[in-house]
C-alpha cells in the first residue's frame, strides 16, 4: 500500500521499526509523476515488509526540511531510523527496487 507520508504521520510510521522508502515529490513535477507508478507498484509488492510512500513537499514542509530536500523527486531509503541511501531525479525502476531489497 502506498502511504501518503506527512508531517503528521511520519513519527508514527517511523515508530513501527519497519524500513521506509519516502518519495519526496509534488503534483507539478513532471519527473515525480513519472516515478509515481513505480512507487505504487513497489508499495504493493513489499506491503507488510517495507513502508513505502510519497511525501508532497508542498504540504509537508517540516518533513521536507528535516530531510534537507532541495531537488525532487528524491527517494530516501531509511532503516533503523537512519537514511541509508537516496536517489535524486527520475531513475530506472531496477535501481529503486535494488535499494528497497537492500533494506530487507
Protein backbone atom coordinates (compact mmCIF):
# COMPACT_ATOMS: atom_id res chain seq x y z
CA UNK A 1 0.00 0.00 0.00
CA UNK A 2 1.28 3.45 -0.90
CA UNK A 3 1.04 5.71 2.12
CA UNK A 4 0.77 9.45 1.97
CA UNK A 5 3.61 10.33 4.35
CA UNK A 6 3.07 13.68 6.06
CA UNK A 7 4.41 15.86 8.86
CA UNK A 8 1.53 14.45 10.95
CA UNK A 9 2.04 10.69 10.45
CA UNK A 10 5.81 10.32 9.91
CA UNK A 11 6.65 9.74 13.59
CA UNK A 12 4.02 7.01 13.94
CA UNK A 13 5.19 5.27 10.76
CA UNK A 14 8.84 5.52 11.83
CA UNK A 15 7.93 4.11 15.26
CA UNK A 16 6.84 0.81 13.66
CA UNK A 17 10.53 -0.03 13.20
CA UNK A 18 9.94 -1.17 9.62
CA UNK A 19 12.25 0.05 6.86
CA UNK A 20 10.81 3.02 4.99
CA UNK A 21 11.03 4.42 1.50
CA UNK A 22 9.88 8.02 1.13
CA UNK A 23 9.35 9.53 -2.30
CA UNK A 24 9.52 13.31 -1.89
CA UNK A 25 7.55 14.79 -4.78
CA UNK A 26 4.99 17.38 -5.90
CA UNK A 27 1.95 17.45 -8.17
CA UNK A 28 3.55 19.97 -10.57
CA UNK A 29 6.77 17.96 -11.01
CA UNK A 30 6.92 16.00 -14.28
CA UNK A 31 9.67 13.55 -13.25
CA UNK A 32 7.77 12.98 -9.97
CA UNK A 33 4.65 11.95 -11.90
CA UNK A 34 6.84 9.61 -13.97
CA UNK A 35 8.11 7.89 -10.78
CA UNK A 36 4.70 7.67 -9.04
CA UNK A 37 3.51 4.40 -10.70
CA UNK A 38 6.80 2.71 -9.74
CA UNK A 39 6.41 3.79 -6.11
CA UNK A 40 2.84 2.43 -6.07
CA UNK A 41 3.97 -0.86 -7.63
CA UNK A 42 6.77 -1.31 -5.08
CA UNK A 43 4.42 -0.37 -2.22
CA UNK A 44 2.09 -3.20 -3.25
CA UNK A 45 4.93 -5.67 -3.79
CA UNK A 46 6.61 -5.02 -0.42
CA UNK A 47 3.41 -4.42 1.60
CA UNK A 48 3.93 -5.57 5.17
CA UNK A 49 7.73 -5.63 4.82
CA UNK A 50 8.63 -2.04 3.95
CA UNK A 51 6.62 1.16 4.40
CA UNK A 52 6.68 2.84 1.01
CA UNK A 53 5.00 6.16 0.45
CA UNK A 54 5.06 9.62 -1.02
CA UNK A 55 5.53 12.94 0.70
CA UNK A 56 4.15 16.04 -1.00
CA UNK A 57 6.85 18.68 -0.44
CA UNK A 58 4.30 21.49 -0.75
CA UNK A 59 2.12 20.06 2.04
CA UNK A 60 4.74 18.67 4.45
CA UNK A 61 7.27 21.44 4.89
CA UNK A 62 8.64 20.15 8.24
CA UNK A 63 9.49 16.70 6.86
CA UNK A 64 10.91 18.24 3.68
CA UNK A 65 13.19 20.45 5.80
CA UNK A 66 14.10 17.57 8.15
CA UNK A 67 15.42 15.54 5.19
CA UNK A 68 17.05 18.58 3.53
CA UNK A 69 15.13 18.18 0.28
CA UNK A 70 16.30 20.61 -2.40
CA UNK A 71 15.51 18.69 -5.60
CA UNK A 72 12.63 16.37 -6.43
CA UNK A 73 11.87 13.63 -6.96
CA UNK A 74 14.08 12.47 -4.10
CA UNK A 75 13.64 8.93 -2.80
CA UNK A 76 15.04 8.21 0.65
CA UNK A 77 15.69 4.70 1.99
CA UNK A 78 15.50 4.51 5.79
CA UNK A 79 16.46 1.63 8.07
CA UNK A 80 16.57 1.70 11.88
CA UNK A 81 15.62 5.38 11.78
CA UNK A 82 18.62 6.36 9.64
CA UNK A 83 18.83 7.33 5.97
CA UNK A 84 20.94 4.56 4.42
CA UNK A 85 20.57 5.54 0.77
CA UNK A 86 18.86 8.00 -1.55
CA UNK A 87 18.35 8.77 -5.21
CA UNK A 88 17.50 12.13 -6.72
CA UNK A 89 15.73 12.53 -10.05
CA UNK A 90 13.92 10.03 -12.23
CA UNK A 91 15.87 6.75 -12.13
CA UNK A 92 15.27 3.27 -13.59
CA UNK A 93 12.83 1.01 -11.74
CA UNK A 94 15.54 -1.62 -11.21
CA UNK A 95 17.70 0.92 -9.36
CA UNK A 96 14.93 1.74 -6.90
CA UNK A 97 13.92 -1.89 -6.37
CA UNK A 98 17.53 -2.91 -5.72
CA UNK A 99 17.72 -0.27 -2.97
CA UNK A 100 14.40 -1.45 -1.48
CA UNK A 101 15.70 -5.03 -1.36
CA UNK A 102 18.86 -3.83 0.40
CA UNK A 103 16.63 -2.64 3.28
CA UNK A 104 15.35 -6.16 3.95
